[in-house]
Amino acid sequence: MYAYSRDLRDRVLDALERGERPTDIARRYEVSRVWVY
């Protein structure tokens, strides 16, 4: 198992702050929805 990059984590947090749905974010970045939370 590999760690996710800092860049990916920052992009996910930015998307959440913009009000995007976690499900949509997870699909876009190919991560689990649980990881987005």
PDB file of N, CA and C in Angstrom:
ATOM      1  N   MET A   1       0.843  -1.174   0.000  1.00  0.00           N
ATOM      2  CA  MET A   1       0.000   0.000   0.000  1.00  0.00           C
ATOM      3  C   MET A   1       0.894   1.244   0.000  1.00  0.00           C
ATOM      4  N   TYR A   2       0.513   2.226  -0.811  1.00  0.00           N
ATOM      5  CA  TYR A   2       1.298   3.443  -0.938  1.00  0.00           C
ATOM      6  C   TYR A   2       0.565   4.614  -0.291  1.00  0.00           C
ATOM      7  N   ALA A   3       1.317   5.576   0.185  1.00  0.00           N
ATOM      8  CA  ALA A   3       0.724   6.796   0.738  1.00  0.00           C
ATOM      9  C   ALA A   3       0.263   7.681  -0.419  1.00  0.00           C
ATOM     10  N   TYR A   4      -0.811   8.402  -0.198  1.00  0.00           N
ATOM     11  CA  TYR A   4      -1.276   9.352  -1.201  1.00  0.00           C
ATOM     12  C   TYR A   4      -0.393  10.591  -1.149  1.00  0.00           C
ATOM     13  N   SER A   5      -0.202  11.212  -2.290  1.00  0.00           N
ATOM     14  CA  SER A   5       0.668  12.386  -2.354  1.00  0.00           C
ATOM     15  C   SER A   5       0.030  13.573  -1.641  1.00  0.00           C
ATOM     16  N   ARG A   6       0.876  14.464  -1.209  1.00  0.00           N
ATOM     17  CA  ARG A   6       0.407  15.695  -0.552  1.00  0.00           C
ATOM     18  C   ARG A   6      -0.442  16.501  -1.532  1.00  0.00           C
ATOM     19  N   ASP A   7      -0.042  16.511  -2.798  1.00  0.00           N
ATOM     20  CA  ASP A   7      -0.777  17.243  -3.822  1.00  0.00           C
ATOM     21  C   ASP A   7      -2.207  16.721  -3.952  1.00  0.00           C
ATOM     22  N   LEU A   8      -2.364  15.416  -3.958  1.00  0.00           N
ATOM     23  CA  LEU A   8      -3.699  14.832  -4.060  1.00  0.00           C
ATOM     24  C   LEU A   8      -4.537  15.213  -2.851  1.00  0.00           C
ATOM     25  N   ARG A   9      -3.958  15.112  -1.673  1.00  0.00           N
ATOM     26  CA  ARG A   9      -4.701  15.475  -0.461  1.00  0.00           C
ATOM     27  C   ARG A   9      -5.131  16.933  -0.499  1.00  0.00           C
ATOM     28  N   ASP A  10      -4.246  17.809  -0.973  1.00  0.00           N
ATOM     29  CA  ASP A  10      -4.590  19.230  -1.073  1.00  0.00           C
ATOM     30  C   ASP A  10      -5.720  19.464  -2.071  1.00  0.00           C
ATOM     31  N   ARG A  11      -5.679  18.764  -3.213  1.00  0.00           N
ATOM     32  CA  ARG A  11      -6.738  18.929  -4.220  1.00  0.00           C
ATOM     33  C   ARG A  11      -8.087  18.454  -3.691  1.00  0.00           C
ATOM     34  N   VAL A  12      -8.076  17.354  -2.937  1.00  0.00           N
ATOM     35  CA  VAL A  12      -9.320  16.842  -2.359  1.00  0.00           C
ATOM     36  C   VAL A  12      -9.869  17.834  -1.339  1.00  0.00           C
ATOM     37  N   LEU A  13      -9.011  18.364  -0.480  1.00  0.00           N
ATOM     38  CA  LEU A  13      -9.467  19.337   0.513  1.00  0.00           C
ATOM     39  C   LEU A  13     -10.003  20.597  -0.148  1.00  0.00           C
ATOM     40  N   ASP A  14      -9.352  21.062  -1.206  1.00  0.00           N
ATOM     41  CA  ASP A  14      -9.836  22.235  -1.936  1.00  0.00           C
ATOM     42  C   ASP A  14     -11.223  21.982  -2.515  1.00  0.00           C
ATOM     43  N   ALA A  15     -11.422  20.811  -3.076  1.00  0.00           N
ATOM     44  CA  ALA A  15     -12.724  20.466  -3.653  1.00  0.00           C
ATOM     45  C   ALA A  15     -13.802  20.424  -2.572  1.00  0.00           C
ATOM     46  N   LEU A  16     -13.473  19.876  -1.416  1.00  0.00           N
ATOM     47  CA  LEU A  16     -14.433  19.843  -0.314  1.00  0.00           C
ATOM     48  C   LEU A  16     -14.795  21.258   0.131  1.00  0.00           C
ATOM     49  N   GLU A  17     -13.807  22.122   0.210  1.00  0.00           N
ATOM     50  CA  GLU A  17     -14.052  23.507   0.615  1.00  0.00           C
ATOM     51  C   GLU A  17     -14.924  24.244  -0.389  1.00  0.00           C
ATOM     52  N   ARG A  18     -14.841  23.849  -1.660  1.00  0.00           N
ATOM     53  CA  ARG A  18     -15.691  24.459  -2.692  1.00  0.00           C
ATOM     54  C   ARG A  18     -17.114  23.917  -2.651  1.00  0.00           C
ATOM     55  N   GLY A  19     -17.343  22.919  -1.808  1.00  0.00           N
ATOM     56  CA  GLY A  19     -18.686  22.380  -1.671  1.00  0.00           C
ATOM     57  C   GLY A  19     -19.000  21.207  -2.576  1.00  0.00           C
ATOM     58  N   GLU A  20     -17.986  20.625  -3.196  1.00  0.00           N
ATOM     59  CA  GLU A  20     -18.230  19.471  -4.057  1.00  0.00           C
ATOM     60  C   GLU A  20     -18.593  18.250  -3.217  1.00  0.00           C
ATOM     61  N   ARG A  21     -19.374  17.379  -3.795  1.00  0.00           N
ATOM     62  CA  ARG A  21     -19.804  16.167  -3.088  1.00  0.00           C
ATOM     63  C   ARG A  21     -18.656  15.174  -2.981  1.00  0.00           C
ATOM     64  N   PRO A  22     -18.495  14.562  -1.808  1.00  0.00           N
ATOM     65  CA  PRO A  22     -17.426  13.577  -1.629  1.00  0.00           C
ATOM     66  C   PRO A  22     -17.459  12.451  -2.662  1.00  0.00           C
ATOM     67  N   THR A  23     -18.638  12.014  -3.052  1.00  0.00           N
ATOM     68  CA  THR A  23     -18.746  10.948  -4.047  1.00  0.00           C
ATOM     69  C   THR A  23     -18.141  11.385  -5.379  1.00  0.00           C
ATOM     70  N   ASP A  24     -18.419  12.613  -5.790  1.00  0.00           N
ATOM     71  CA  ASP A  24     -17.872  13.130  -7.048  1.00  0.00           C
ATOM     72  C   ASP A  24     -16.356  13.277  -6.974  1.00  0.00           C
ATOM     73  N   ILE A  25     -15.872  13.750  -5.838  1.00  0.00           N
ATOM     74  CA  ILE A  25     -14.429  13.911  -5.650  1.00  0.00           C
ATOM     75  C   ILE A  25     -13.740  12.553  -5.720  1.00  0.00           C
ATOM     76  N   ALA A  26     -14.304  11.575  -5.042  1.00  0.00           N
ATOM     77  CA  ALA A  26     -13.713  10.233  -5.020  1.00  0.00           C
ATOM     78  C   ALA A  26     -13.631   9.652  -6.424  1.00  0.00           C
ATOM     79  N   ARG A  27     -14.668   9.839  -7.205  1.00  0.00           N
ATOM     80  CA  ARG A  27     -14.644   9.330  -8.583  1.00  0.00           C
ATOM     81  C   ARG A  27     -13.579  10.033  -9.413  1.00  0.00           C
ATOM     82  N   ARG A  28     -13.505  11.353  -9.288  1.00  0.00           N
ATOM     83  CA  ARG A  28     -12.550  12.123 -10.091  1.00  0.00           C
ATOM     84  C   ARG A  28     -11.109  11.723  -9.797  1.00  0.00           C
ATOM     85  N   TYR A  29     -10.792  11.539  -8.522  1.00  0.00           N
ATOM     86  CA  TYR A  29      -9.408  11.251  -8.148  1.00  0.00           C
ATOM     87  C   TYR A  29      -9.143   9.768  -7.926  1.00  0.00           C
ATOM     88  N   GLU A  30     -10.143   8.947  -8.194  1.00  0.00           N
ATOM     89  CA  GLU A  30     -10.016   7.486  -8.096  1.00  0.00           C
ATOM     90  C   GLU A  30      -9.530   7.031  -6.722  1.00  0.00           C
ATOM     91  N   VAL A  31     -10.199   7.557  -5.696  1.00  0.00           N
ATOM     92  CA  VAL A  31      -9.963   7.134  -4.317  1.00  0.00           C
ATOM     93  C   VAL A  31     -11.304   6.707  -3.741  1.00  0.00           C
ATOM     94  N   SER A  32     -11.272   6.073  -2.586  1.00  0.00           N
ATOM     95  CA  SER A  32     -12.533   5.661  -1.978  1.00  0.00           C
ATOM     96  C   SER A  32     -13.243   6.870  -1.379  1.00  0.00           C
ATOM     97  N   ARG A  33     -14.547   6.781  -1.320  1.00  0.00           N
ATOM     98  CA  ARG A  33     -15.325   7.862  -0.731  1.00  0.00           C
ATOM     99  C   ARG A  33     -14.977   8.032   0.740  1.00  0.00           C
ATOM    100  N   VAL A  34     -14.720   6.936   1.418  1.00  0.00           N
ATOM    101  CA  VAL A  34     -14.349   6.994   2.836  1.00  0.00           C
ATOM    102  C   VAL A  34     -13.045   7.769   3.008  1.00  0.00           C
ATOM    103  N   TRP A  35     -12.104   7.603   2.089  1.00  0.00           N
ATOM    104  CA  TRP A  35     -10.833   8.319   2.177  1.00  0.00           C
ATOM    105  C   TRP A  35     -11.038   9.827   2.083  1.00  0.00           C
ATOM    106  N   VAL A  36     -12.036  10.257   1.301  1.00  0.00           N
ATOM    107  CA  VAL A  36     -12.303  11.687   1.141  1.00  0.00           C
ATOM    108  C   VAL A  36     -12.715  12.302   2.471  1.00  0.00           C
ATOM    109  N   TYR A  37     -13.457  11.543   3.286  1.00  0.00           N
ATOM    110  CA  TYR A  37     -13.871  12.059   4.585  1.00  0.00           C
ATOM    111  C   TYR A  37     -12.691  12.082   5.506  1.00  0.00           C
TER     112      TYR A  37
END
